[in-house]
Amino acid sequence: MNIDTRIKFRHLLCFIEVAQHRSFAKAAHAVSVSQPAISKTLKELEGILEARLFERDKNGVVLTQAGQAFMRYAGPCVQALRDGVNTVRSGGVQGGQVRVGVLSTVESLVIPEVIRRLHERYRGLTISVTTGMSTYLLNKLRVGELDIVVGRMTDNPEIRGLNFEHLYSESMTLVVRNGHPLQAATGIDRQRLADYPWVLPLTGTTIRQYAESFLVQCGISLMSQRLETLSPALSRRYVLLSDAVWIAPLDAVETDIKAGVMAELSLGVQEPGGSIGLCRNNTATLPLAAQWFCEVLREVASELVAERSAS
């Protein structure tokens, strides 16, 4: 079947903006048209598709089942056109742009090395990195605003319909600053751990579930004095300034441990911490720059696995 030529770029753009903002008014502002104009454009699109794409709820407008199905193709289609224009304008296969979503818990170790190698190998390559929680990043991937997402996300229901490729498993560890009172203890009294502030991931996140599993295995109750955050930078700075104990993903602290800035506290328990991998939308064509990113990411992850296995 031929593509219905009545569908224009403006139809797709308005549809994507309303889906993203969940508001006709905000979407109209984003594309610099009036709200009646965007409503008219969407009614035209619904007429062409012979399906209702949105319905209202208490928080604004949401996609219907038909709207969700159409989004799987409209988002990547619009982004593919943008990528094509940018590729031609940039002139040459050594350039281009890759848009990567990175969960904050894995941004410290592997990703900087991937970017370093890419910039050594390809001239004019722009790497745009967005950090945040998995739900936020996976939604941006689904609508074509990101090319790939990297991190721990297999337990998130938003991953349904997307492709996940396992790279390596990441364990959780217990760390303190170098010179912490517990560091010199021979055989840590687990009851003493309650004497110090703790740093934990945010409640409701996948990594928090692994952290709580770690506590349960150690027979440690959740402390009331704690910092809850997904920011590695904030967690690191607070731990280095205080006597706080941090349940951290190994990626976030391995460099500091090797440098002697932080020290691991061994309680004889290991929490696997889950699968780190890359996620992509199979309905979208992966831009060449994104393919380069995936290749180098696999390369760096493979070396990390080998290094950890040898140690």
C-alpha atoms as a PDB file:
ATOM      1  CA  MET A   1       0.000   0.000   0.000  1.00  0.00           C
ATOM      2  CA  ASN A   2       1.286   3.465  -0.900  1.00  0.00           C
ATOM      3  CA  ILE A   3       1.744   6.110   1.791  1.00  0.00           C
ATOM      4  CA  ASP A   4      -1.295   8.384   2.079  1.00  0.00           C
ATOM      5  CA  THR A   5      -0.007  11.623   0.575  1.00  0.00           C
ATOM      6  CA  ARG A   6      -2.483  13.619   2.661  1.00  0.00           C
ATOM      7  CA  ILE A   7      -0.231  13.097   5.696  1.00  0.00           C
ATOM      8  CA  LYS A   8       2.174  16.031   5.931  1.00  0.00           C
ATOM      9  CA  PHE A   9       5.192  16.722   8.122  1.00  0.00           C
ATOM     10  CA  ARG A  10       3.150  19.231  10.150  1.00  0.00           C
ATOM     11  CA  HIS A  11       0.677  16.463  11.061  1.00  0.00           C
ATOM     12  CA  LEU A  12       3.446  14.289  12.463  1.00  0.00           C
ATOM     13  CA  LEU A  13       5.191  17.162  14.241  1.00  0.00           C
ATOM     14  CA  CYS A  14       2.005  18.339  15.984  1.00  0.00           C
ATOM     15  CA  PHE A  15       1.129  14.775  16.954  1.00  0.00           C
ATOM     16  CA  ILE A  16       4.565  14.193  18.530  1.00  0.00           C
ATOM     17  CA  GLU A  17       4.550  17.495  20.428  1.00  0.00           C
ATOM     18  CA  VAL A  18       1.102  16.873  21.932  1.00  0.00           C
ATOM     19  CA  ALA A  19       2.123  13.337  22.915  1.00  0.00           C
ATOM     20  CA  GLN A  20       5.287  14.621  24.562  1.00  0.00           C
ATOM     21  CA  HIS A  21       3.788  17.618  26.387  1.00  0.00           C
ATOM     22  CA  ARG A  22       0.394  15.999  27.111  1.00  0.00           C
ATOM     23  CA  SER A  23      -1.119  19.413  26.457  1.00  0.00           C
ATOM     24  CA  PHE A  24      -2.438  21.145  23.338  1.00  0.00           C
ATOM     25  CA  ALA A  25      -1.441  24.560  24.714  1.00  0.00           C
ATOM     26  CA  LYS A  26       2.169  23.551  25.458  1.00  0.00           C
ATOM     27  CA  ALA A  27       2.480  21.756  22.125  1.00  0.00           C
ATOM     28  CA  ALA A  28       1.160  24.818  20.286  1.00  0.00           C
ATOM     29  CA  HIS A  29       3.770  26.971  22.020  1.00  0.00           C
ATOM     30  CA  ALA A  30       6.528  24.480  21.121  1.00  0.00           C
ATOM     31  CA  VAL A  31       5.770  24.651  17.386  1.00  0.00           C
ATOM     32  CA  SER A  32       4.821  28.361  17.419  1.00  0.00           C
ATOM     33  CA  VAL A  33       1.211  28.007  16.283  1.00  0.00           C
ATOM     34  CA  SER A  34      -2.108  28.748  17.943  1.00  0.00           C
ATOM     35  CA  GLN A  35      -3.937  26.133  19.996  1.00  0.00           C
ATOM     36  CA  PRO A  36      -6.915  26.064  17.579  1.00  0.00           C
ATOM     37  CA  ALA A  37      -4.459  25.468  14.723  1.00  0.00           C
ATOM     38  CA  ILE A  38      -2.839  22.485  16.415  1.00  0.00           C
ATOM     39  CA  SER A  39      -6.267  21.059  17.314  1.00  0.00           C
ATOM     40  CA  LYS A  40      -7.335  21.401  13.678  1.00  0.00           C
ATOM     41  CA  THR A  41      -4.145  19.718  12.447  1.00  0.00           C
ATOM     42  CA  LEU A  42      -4.694  16.742  14.754  1.00  0.00           C
ATOM     43  CA  LYS A  43      -8.325  16.403  13.713  1.00  0.00           C
ATOM     44  CA  GLU A  44      -7.122  16.248  10.115  1.00  0.00           C
ATOM     45  CA  LEU A  45      -4.649  13.503  11.021  1.00  0.00           C
ATOM     46  CA  GLU A  46      -7.288  11.518  12.930  1.00  0.00           C
ATOM     47  CA  GLY A  47      -9.586  11.831   9.909  1.00  0.00           C
ATOM     48  CA  ILE A  48      -6.904  10.512   7.563  1.00  0.00           C
ATOM     49  CA  LEU A  49      -6.057   7.614   9.895  1.00  0.00           C
ATOM     50  CA  GLU A  50      -9.704   6.991  10.768  1.00  0.00           C
ATOM     51  CA  ALA A  51      -8.742   6.621  14.417  1.00  0.00           C
ATOM     52  CA  ARG A  52      -8.830   8.693  17.586  1.00  0.00           C
ATOM     53  CA  LEU A  53      -5.271   9.401  18.747  1.00  0.00           C
ATOM     54  CA  PHE A  54      -5.787  11.211  22.081  1.00  0.00           C
ATOM     55  CA  GLU A  55      -8.168  11.240  24.993  1.00  0.00           C
ATOM     56  CA  ARG A  56      -8.334  13.465  28.048  1.00  0.00           C
ATOM     57  CA  ASP A  57      -7.583  12.476  31.624  1.00  0.00           C
ATOM     58  CA  LYS A  58      -7.064  14.429  34.863  1.00  0.00           C
ATOM     59  CA  ASN A  59      -3.464  15.253  33.900  1.00  0.00           C
ATOM     60  CA  GLY A  60      -4.157  16.485  30.374  1.00  0.00           C
ATOM     61  CA  VAL A  61      -4.273  14.411  27.187  1.00  0.00           C
ATOM     62  CA  VAL A  62      -2.913  10.901  26.721  1.00  0.00           C
ATOM     63  CA  LEU A  63      -2.424   8.639  23.740  1.00  0.00           C
ATOM     64  CA  THR A  64      -5.130   6.126  22.934  1.00  0.00           C
ATOM     65  CA  GLN A  65      -4.153   2.602  21.965  1.00  0.00           C
ATOM     66  CA  ALA A  66      -4.190   3.678  18.317  1.00  0.00           C
ATOM     67  CA  GLY A  67      -2.099   6.719  19.225  1.00  0.00           C
ATOM     68  CA  GLN A  68       0.487   4.556  20.961  1.00  0.00           C
ATOM     69  CA  ALA A  69       0.720   2.312  17.909  1.00  0.00           C
ATOM     70  CA  PHE A  70       1.150   5.293  15.578  1.00  0.00           C
ATOM     71  CA  MET A  71       3.795   6.853  17.854  1.00  0.00           C
ATOM     72  CA  ARG A  72       6.081   3.827  17.364  1.00  0.00           C
ATOM     73  CA  TYR A  73       6.477   4.912  13.740  1.00  0.00           C
ATOM     74  CA  ALA A  74       5.804   8.665  13.684  1.00  0.00           C
ATOM     75  CA  GLY A  75       8.524   9.575  16.192  1.00  0.00           C
ATOM     76  CA  PRO A  76      11.369   7.684  14.496  1.00  0.00           C
ATOM     77  CA  CYS A  77      10.125   8.856  11.068  1.00  0.00           C
ATOM     78  CA  VAL A  78      10.396  12.529  12.003  1.00  0.00           C
ATOM     79  CA  GLN A  79      13.764  12.036  13.666  1.00  0.00           C
ATOM     80  CA  ALA A  80      15.114  10.090  10.686  1.00  0.00           C
ATOM     81  CA  LEU A  81      14.227  13.019   8.424  1.00  0.00           C
ATOM     82  CA  ARG A  82      15.972  15.449  10.787  1.00  0.00           C
ATOM     83  CA  ASP A  83      19.046  13.210  10.872  1.00  0.00           C
ATOM     84  CA  GLY A  84      19.107  13.013   7.097  1.00  0.00           C
ATOM     85  CA  VAL A  85      19.020  16.801   6.767  1.00  0.00           C
ATOM     86  CA  ASN A  86      21.760  17.217   9.393  1.00  0.00           C
ATOM     87  CA  THR A  87      23.948  14.557   7.769  1.00  0.00           C
ATOM     88  CA  VAL A  88      23.770  16.227   4.363  1.00  0.00           C
ATOM     89  CA  ARG A  89      24.387  19.670   5.833  1.00  0.00           C
ATOM     90  CA  SER A  90      27.373  18.474   7.886  1.00  0.00           C
ATOM     91  CA  GLY A  91      28.974  17.094   4.729  1.00  0.00           C
ATOM     92  CA  GLY A  92      30.919  13.873   5.104  1.00  0.00           C
ATOM     93  CA  VAL A  93      30.615  10.573   6.922  1.00  0.00           C
ATOM     94  CA  GLN A  94      33.193  11.574   9.551  1.00  0.00           C
ATOM     95  CA  GLY A  95      30.626  13.893  11.113  1.00  0.00           C
ATOM     96  CA  GLY A  96      27.108  13.529  12.380  1.00  0.00           C
ATOM     97  CA  GLN A  97      25.378  13.413  15.719  1.00  0.00           C
ATOM     98  CA  VAL A  98      24.403  10.656  18.128  1.00  0.00           C
ATOM     99  CA  ARG A  99      21.877  11.292  20.905  1.00  0.00           C
ATOM    100  CA  VAL A 100      22.419   9.014  23.872  1.00  0.00           C
ATOM    101  CA  GLY A 101      20.397   8.605  27.045  1.00  0.00           C
ATOM    102  CA  VAL A 102      22.550   7.515  29.985  1.00  0.00           C
ATOM    103  CA  LEU A 103      21.262   6.508  33.385  1.00  0.00           C
ATOM    104  CA  SER A 104      23.106   8.566  35.981  1.00  0.00           C
ATOM    105  CA  THR A 105      24.370   5.477  37.794  1.00  0.00           C
ATOM    106  CA  VAL A 106      26.476   4.353  34.806  1.00  0.00           C
ATOM    107  CA  GLU A 107      27.737   7.661  33.434  1.00  0.00           C
ATOM    108  CA  SER A 108      31.021   7.790  35.365  1.00  0.00           C
ATOM    109  CA  LEU A 109      33.101   4.863  34.081  1.00  0.00           C
ATOM    110  CA  VAL A 110      32.314   3.451  30.653  1.00  0.00           C
ATOM    111  CA  ILE A 111      30.715   6.393  28.838  1.00  0.00           C
ATOM    112  CA  PRO A 112      33.657   8.853  29.104  1.00  0.00           C
ATOM    113  CA  GLU A 113      35.993   6.235  27.621  1.00  0.00           C
ATOM    114  CA  VAL A 114      33.535   5.525  24.790  1.00  0.00           C
ATOM    115  CA  ILE A 115      33.356   9.245  23.966  1.00  0.00           C
ATOM    116  CA  ARG A 116      37.146   9.592  24.088  1.00  0.00           C
ATOM    117  CA  ARG A 117      37.642   6.787  21.576  1.00  0.00           C
ATOM    118  CA  LEU A 118      34.903   8.057  19.268  1.00  0.00           C
ATOM    119  CA  HIS A 119      36.394  11.548  19.130  1.00  0.00           C
ATOM    120  CA  GLU A 120      39.800  10.038  18.355  1.00  0.00           C
ATOM    121  CA  ARG A 121      38.392   8.059  15.435  1.00  0.00           C
ATOM    122  CA  TYR A 122      35.790  10.382  13.882  1.00  0.00           C
ATOM    123  CA  ARG A 123      36.194  14.048  13.076  1.00  0.00           C
ATOM    124  CA  GLY A 124      33.259  16.387  13.516  1.00  0.00           C
ATOM    125  CA  LEU A 125      31.208  13.949  15.597  1.00  0.00           C
ATOM    126  CA  THR A 126      28.757  15.488  18.065  1.00  0.00           C
ATOM    127  CA  ILE A 127      27.742  13.289  20.993  1.00  0.00           C
ATOM    128  CA  SER A 128      24.713  14.572  22.880  1.00  0.00           C
ATOM    129  CA  VAL A 129      24.204  12.895  26.272  1.00  0.00           C
ATOM    130  CA  THR A 130      20.993  13.155  28.286  1.00  0.00           C
ATOM    131  CA  THR A 131      20.886  11.781  31.824  1.00  0.00           C
ATOM    132  CA  GLY A 132      17.913  10.966  34.009  1.00  0.00           C
ATOM    133  CA  MET A 133      15.684   8.180  35.252  1.00  0.00           C
ATOM    134  CA  SER A 134      14.938   5.203  33.032  1.00  0.00           C
ATOM    135  CA  THR A 135      11.259   6.007  32.445  1.00  0.00           C
ATOM    136  CA  TYR A 136      12.109   9.498  31.200  1.00  0.00           C
ATOM    137  CA  LEU A 137      14.882   8.262  28.911  1.00  0.00           C
ATOM    138  CA  LEU A 138      12.947   5.304  27.509  1.00  0.00           C
ATOM    139  CA  ASN A 139      10.009   7.560  26.638  1.00  0.00           C
ATOM    140  CA  LYS A 140      12.357   9.888  24.748  1.00  0.00           C
ATOM    141  CA  LEU A 141      13.787   6.848  22.942  1.00  0.00           C
ATOM    142  CA  ARG A 142      10.320   5.680  22.000  1.00  0.00           C
ATOM    143  CA  VAL A 143       9.369   8.992  20.351  1.00  0.00           C
ATOM    144  CA  GLY A 144      12.676   9.285  18.487  1.00  0.00           C
ATOM    145  CA  GLU A 145      14.326  11.996  20.595  1.00  0.00           C
ATOM    146  CA  LEU A 146      17.155   9.633  21.545  1.00  0.00           C
ATOM    147  CA  ASP A 147      18.974   7.066  19.424  1.00  0.00           C
ATOM    148  CA  ILE A 148      19.943   4.690  22.249  1.00  0.00           C
ATOM    149  CA  VAL A 149      19.739   4.475  26.031  1.00  0.00           C
ATOM    150  CA  VAL A 150      22.494   2.934  28.180  1.00  0.00           C
ATOM    151  CA  GLY A 151      22.042   1.626  31.700  1.00  0.00           C
ATOM    152  CA  ARG A 152      20.171  -0.713  33.992  1.00  0.00           C
ATOM    153  CA  MET A 153      16.539  -0.763  32.866  1.00  0.00           C
ATOM    154  CA  THR A 154      15.288  -4.314  32.301  1.00  0.00           C
ATOM    155  CA  ASP A 155      12.846  -4.091  35.241  1.00  0.00           C
ATOM    156  CA  ASN A 156      11.130  -0.974  33.876  1.00  0.00           C
ATOM    157  CA  PRO A 157       7.773  -1.690  32.155  1.00  0.00           C
ATOM    158  CA  GLU A 158       8.513   1.115  29.674  1.00  0.00           C
ATOM    159  CA  ILE A 159      11.079  -1.173  28.011  1.00  0.00           C
ATOM    160  CA  ARG A 160       8.312  -3.272  26.431  1.00  0.00           C
ATOM    161  CA  GLY A 161       8.486  -3.085  22.642  1.00  0.00           C
ATOM    162  CA  LEU A 162      12.108  -1.913  22.731  1.00  0.00           C
ATOM    163  CA  ASN A 163      15.255  -3.967  22.160  1.00  0.00           C
ATOM    164  CA  PHE A 164      17.701  -4.463  25.057  1.00  0.00           C
ATOM    165  CA  GLU A 165      21.231  -5.784  24.539  1.00  0.00           C
ATOM    166  CA  HIS A 166      23.123  -6.983  27.636  1.00  0.00           C
ATOM    167  CA  LEU A 167      26.692  -5.672  27.974  1.00  0.00           C
ATOM    168  CA  TYR A 168      27.818  -6.614  31.483  1.00  0.00           C
ATOM    169  CA  SER A 169      26.564  -7.173  35.022  1.00  0.00           C
ATOM    170  CA  GLU A 170      27.270  -4.541  37.640  1.00  0.00           C
ATOM    171  CA  SER A 171      27.485  -5.277  41.348  1.00  0.00           C
ATOM    172  CA  MET A 172      26.662  -3.020  44.279  1.00  0.00           C
ATOM    173  CA  THR A 173      29.331  -2.168  46.821  1.00  0.00           C
ATOM    174  CA  LEU A 174      29.672  -0.379  50.155  1.00  0.00           C
ATOM    175  CA  VAL A 175      32.143   2.534  50.140  1.00  0.00           C
ATOM    176  CA  VAL A 176      33.418   5.254  52.475  1.00  0.00           C
ATOM    177  CA  ARG A 177      36.038   7.971  52.178  1.00  0.00           C
ATOM    178  CA  ASN A 178      39.665   7.053  52.700  1.00  0.00           C
ATOM    179  CA  GLY A 179      40.426   7.451  56.421  1.00  0.00           C
ATOM    180  CA  HIS A 180      36.865   6.679  57.556  1.00  0.00           C
ATOM    181  CA  PRO A 181      36.638   5.292  61.141  1.00  0.00           C
ATOM    182  CA  LEU A 182      35.198   2.012  59.837  1.00  0.00           C
ATOM    183  CA  GLN A 183      38.035   1.526  57.362  1.00  0.00           C
ATOM    184  CA  ALA A 184      40.532   0.514  60.017  1.00  0.00           C
ATOM    185  CA  ALA A 185      38.148  -1.824  61.822  1.00  0.00           C
ATOM    186  CA  THR A 186      38.987  -5.522  61.718  1.00  0.00           C
ATOM    187  CA  GLY A 187      35.717  -7.332  61.245  1.00  0.00           C
ATOM    188  CA  ILE A 188      33.070  -4.623  60.940  1.00  0.00           C
ATOM    189  CA  ASP A 189      30.372  -4.657  63.609  1.00  0.00           C
ATOM    190  CA  ARG A 190      27.252  -4.229  61.506  1.00  0.00           C
ATOM    191  CA  GLN A 191      25.475  -2.514  64.386  1.00  0.00           C
ATOM    192  CA  ARG A 192      28.036   0.309  64.149  1.00  0.00           C
ATOM    193  CA  LEU A 193      26.903   1.060  60.617  1.00  0.00           C
ATOM    194  CA  ALA A 194      23.770   2.668  62.038  1.00  0.00           C
ATOM    195  CA  ASP A 195      25.980   5.327  63.689  1.00  0.00           C
ATOM    196  CA  TYR A 196      26.692   6.938  60.325  1.00  0.00           C
ATOM    197  CA  PRO A 197      24.615   8.662  57.623  1.00  0.00           C
ATOM    198  CA  TRP A 198      23.899   6.573  54.533  1.00  0.00           C
ATOM    199  CA  VAL A 199      23.650   7.383  50.845  1.00  0.00           C
ATOM    200  CA  LEU A 200      21.038   5.419  48.899  1.00  0.00           C
ATOM    201  CA  PRO A 201      19.368   5.619  45.461  1.00  0.00           C
ATOM    202  CA  LEU A 202      15.924   7.200  45.243  1.00  0.00           C
ATOM    203  CA  THR A 203      12.912   5.191  46.395  1.00  0.00           C
ATOM    204  CA  GLY A 204      11.021   3.532  43.549  1.00  0.00           C
ATOM    205  CA  THR A 205      14.030   3.106  41.254  1.00  0.00           C
ATOM    206  CA  THR A 206      15.410  -0.231  40.100  1.00  0.00           C
ATOM    207  CA  ILE A 207      18.800   0.416  41.673  1.00  0.00           C
ATOM    208  CA  ARG A 208      17.121   1.167  45.021  1.00  0.00           C
ATOM    209  CA  GLN A 209      15.660  -2.344  44.947  1.00  0.00           C
ATOM    210  CA  TYR A 210      19.185  -3.769  44.609  1.00  0.00           C
ATOM    211  CA  ALA A 211      20.417  -1.541  47.432  1.00  0.00           C
ATOM    212  CA  GLU A 212      17.641  -2.697  49.744  1.00  0.00           C
ATOM    213  CA  SER A 213      18.356  -6.316  48.798  1.00  0.00           C
ATOM    214  CA  PHE A 214      21.949  -5.691  49.840  1.00  0.00           C
ATOM    215  CA  LEU A 215      20.798  -4.374  53.226  1.00  0.00           C
ATOM    216  CA  VAL A 216      18.497  -7.351  53.774  1.00  0.00           C
ATOM    217  CA  GLN A 217      21.313  -9.817  53.010  1.00  0.00           C
ATOM    218  CA  CYS A 218      23.521  -7.982  55.502  1.00  0.00           C
ATOM    219  CA  GLY A 219      20.804  -7.968  58.157  1.00  0.00           C
ATOM    220  CA  ILE A 220      20.852  -4.154  58.316  1.00  0.00           C
ATOM    221  CA  SER A 221      17.727  -2.085  58.889  1.00  0.00           C
ATOM    222  CA  LEU A 222      17.068   1.003  56.758  1.00  0.00           C
ATOM    223  CA  MET A 223      18.560   4.013  58.535  1.00  0.00           C
ATOM    224  CA  SER A 224      16.523   7.170  59.085  1.00  0.00           C
ATOM    225  CA  GLN A 225      19.522   9.471  58.590  1.00  0.00           C
ATOM    226  CA  ARG A 226      20.238   9.184  54.898  1.00  0.00           C
ATOM    227  CA  LEU A 227      20.683  11.013  51.633  1.00  0.00           C
ATOM    228  CA  GLU A 228      18.587   9.669  48.759  1.00  0.00           C
ATOM    229  CA  THR A 229      19.725  10.663  45.276  1.00  0.00           C
ATOM    230  CA  LEU A 230      20.603   9.324  41.833  1.00  0.00           C
ATOM    231  CA  SER A 231      23.360  11.898  41.377  1.00  0.00           C
ATOM    232  CA  PRO A 232      26.828  10.302  41.468  1.00  0.00           C
ATOM    233  CA  ALA A 233      28.416  13.758  41.729  1.00  0.00           C
ATOM    234  CA  LEU A 234      26.381  14.726  44.805  1.00  0.00           C
ATOM    235  CA  SER A 235      26.832  11.310  46.418  1.00  0.00           C
ATOM    236  CA  ARG A 236      30.587  11.336  45.842  1.00  0.00           C
ATOM    237  CA  ARG A 237      31.110  14.844  47.171  1.00  0.00           C
ATOM    238  CA  TYR A 238      29.007  14.212  50.276  1.00  0.00           C
ATOM    239  CA  VAL A 239      30.824  10.956  51.061  1.00  0.00           C
ATOM    240  CA  LEU A 240      34.230  12.611  50.693  1.00  0.00           C
ATOM    241  CA  LEU A 241      33.172  15.441  53.023  1.00  0.00           C
ATOM    242  CA  SER A 242      31.619  13.264  55.727  1.00  0.00           C
ATOM    243  CA  ASP A 243      31.559   9.878  57.435  1.00  0.00           C
ATOM    244  CA  ALA A 244      28.640   8.730  55.282  1.00  0.00           C
ATOM    245  CA  VAL A 245      28.407   5.147  53.998  1.00  0.00           C
ATOM    246  CA  TRP A 246      27.377   4.790  50.347  1.00  0.00           C
ATOM    247  CA  ILE A 247      25.686   1.768  48.756  1.00  0.00           C
ATOM    248  CA  ALA A 248      26.940   2.434  45.261  1.00  0.00           C
ATOM    249  CA  PRO A 249      27.010   0.786  41.844  1.00  0.00           C
ATOM    250  CA  LEU A 250      30.582  -0.273  41.154  1.00  0.00           C
ATOM    251  CA  ASP A 251      30.730   1.836  37.970  1.00  0.00           C
ATOM    252  CA  ALA A 252      30.254   5.004  40.007  1.00  0.00           C
ATOM    253  CA  VAL A 253      33.113   4.385  42.452  1.00  0.00           C
ATOM    254  CA  GLU A 254      35.625   2.006  40.856  1.00  0.00           C
ATOM    255  CA  THR A 255      37.948   4.790  39.683  1.00  0.00           C
ATOM    256  CA  ASP A 256      38.016   6.365  43.165  1.00  0.00           C
ATOM    257  CA  ILE A 257      38.646   2.990  44.808  1.00  0.00           C
ATOM    258  CA  LYS A 258      41.618   2.306  42.510  1.00  0.00           C
ATOM    259  CA  ALA A 259      42.964   5.807  43.205  1.00  0.00           C
ATOM    260  CA  GLY A 260      42.702   5.294  46.960  1.00  0.00           C
ATOM    261  CA  VAL A 261      40.192   8.131  47.357  1.00  0.00           C
ATOM    262  CA  MET A 262      37.512   5.739  48.587  1.00  0.00           C
ATOM    263  CA  ALA A 263      37.600   2.357  50.266  1.00  0.00           C
ATOM    264  CA  GLU A 264      35.280  -0.619  50.076  1.00  0.00           C
ATOM    265  CA  LEU A 265      33.793  -2.098  53.232  1.00  0.00           C
ATOM    266  CA  SER A 266      33.537  -5.856  52.930  1.00  0.00           C
ATOM    267  CA  LEU A 267      30.610  -7.477  54.750  1.00  0.00           C
ATOM    268  CA  GLY A 268      30.964 -10.839  53.039  1.00  0.00           C
ATOM    269  CA  VAL A 269      27.891 -10.224  50.889  1.00  0.00           C
ATOM    270  CA  GLN A 270      27.682  -9.530  47.156  1.00  0.00           C
ATOM    271  CA  GLU A 271      24.645  -8.075  45.407  1.00  0.00           C
ATOM    272  CA  PRO A 272      24.753  -8.662  41.612  1.00  0.00           C
ATOM    273  CA  GLY A 273      23.126  -5.311  40.892  1.00  0.00           C
ATOM    274  CA  GLY A 274      21.553  -6.177  37.556  1.00  0.00           C
ATOM    275  CA  SER A 275      22.254  -6.058  33.844  1.00  0.00           C
ATOM    276  CA  ILE A 276      23.807  -3.024  32.185  1.00  0.00           C
ATOM    277  CA  GLY A 277      23.068  -2.756  28.498  1.00  0.00           C
ATOM    278  CA  LEU A 278      21.981  -0.619  25.589  1.00  0.00           C
ATOM    279  CA  CYS A 279      18.405  -0.161  24.492  1.00  0.00           C
ATOM    280  CA  ARG A 280      17.180   0.904  21.067  1.00  0.00           C
ATOM    281  CA  ASN A 281      13.940   1.294  19.172  1.00  0.00           C
ATOM    282  CA  ASN A 282      13.810  -1.345  16.446  1.00  0.00           C
ATOM    283  CA  THR A 283      11.195   0.605  14.493  1.00  0.00           C
ATOM    284  CA  ALA A 284      13.788   3.336  13.843  1.00  0.00           C
ATOM    285  CA  THR A 285      16.785   3.209  11.552  1.00  0.00           C
ATOM    286  CA  LEU A 286      19.904   3.691  13.663  1.00  0.00           C
ATOM    287  CA  PRO A 287      21.956   6.638  12.340  1.00  0.00           C
ATOM    288  CA  LEU A 288      25.533   5.896  11.304  1.00  0.00           C
ATOM    289  CA  ALA A 289      26.929   7.901  14.237  1.00  0.00           C
ATOM    290  CA  ALA A 290      24.777   5.870  16.644  1.00  0.00           C
ATOM    291  CA  GLN A 291      26.093   2.666  15.076  1.00  0.00           C
ATOM    292  CA  TRP A 292      29.632   3.885  15.764  1.00  0.00           C
ATOM    293  CA  PHE A 293      28.680   4.604  19.366  1.00  0.00           C
ATOM    294  CA  CYS A 294      27.235   1.105  19.845  1.00  0.00           C
ATOM    295  CA  GLU A 295      30.320  -0.542  18.371  1.00  0.00           C
ATOM    296  CA  VAL A 296      32.711   1.344  20.659  1.00  0.00           C
ATOM    297  CA  LEU A 297      30.436   0.821  23.664  1.00  0.00           C
ATOM    298  CA  ARG A 298      30.529  -2.953  23.105  1.00  0.00           C
ATOM    299  CA  GLU A 299      34.300  -2.754  22.755  1.00  0.00           C
ATOM    300  CA  VAL A 300      34.793  -0.870  26.040  1.00  0.00           C
ATOM    301  CA  ALA A 301      32.272  -3.041  27.915  1.00  0.00           C
ATOM    302  CA  SER A 302      34.023  -6.206  26.710  1.00  0.00           C
ATOM    303  CA  GLU A 303      37.365  -4.912  27.996  1.00  0.00           C
ATOM    304  CA  LEU A 304      35.782  -4.033  31.354  1.00  0.00           C
ATOM    305  CA  VAL A 305      34.383  -7.569  31.720  1.00  0.00           C
ATOM    306  CA  ALA A 306      37.780  -9.066  30.915  1.00  0.00           C
ATOM    307  CA  GLU A 307      39.546  -6.768  33.382  1.00  0.00           C
ATOM    308  CA  ARG A 308      37.142  -7.576  36.212  1.00  0.00           C
ATOM    309  CA  SER A 309      37.338 -11.296  35.496  1.00  0.00           C
ATOM    310  CA  ALA A 310      41.129 -11.171  35.710  1.00  0.00           C
ATOM    311  CA  SER A 311      41.232  -9.288  39.012  1.00  0.00           C
END
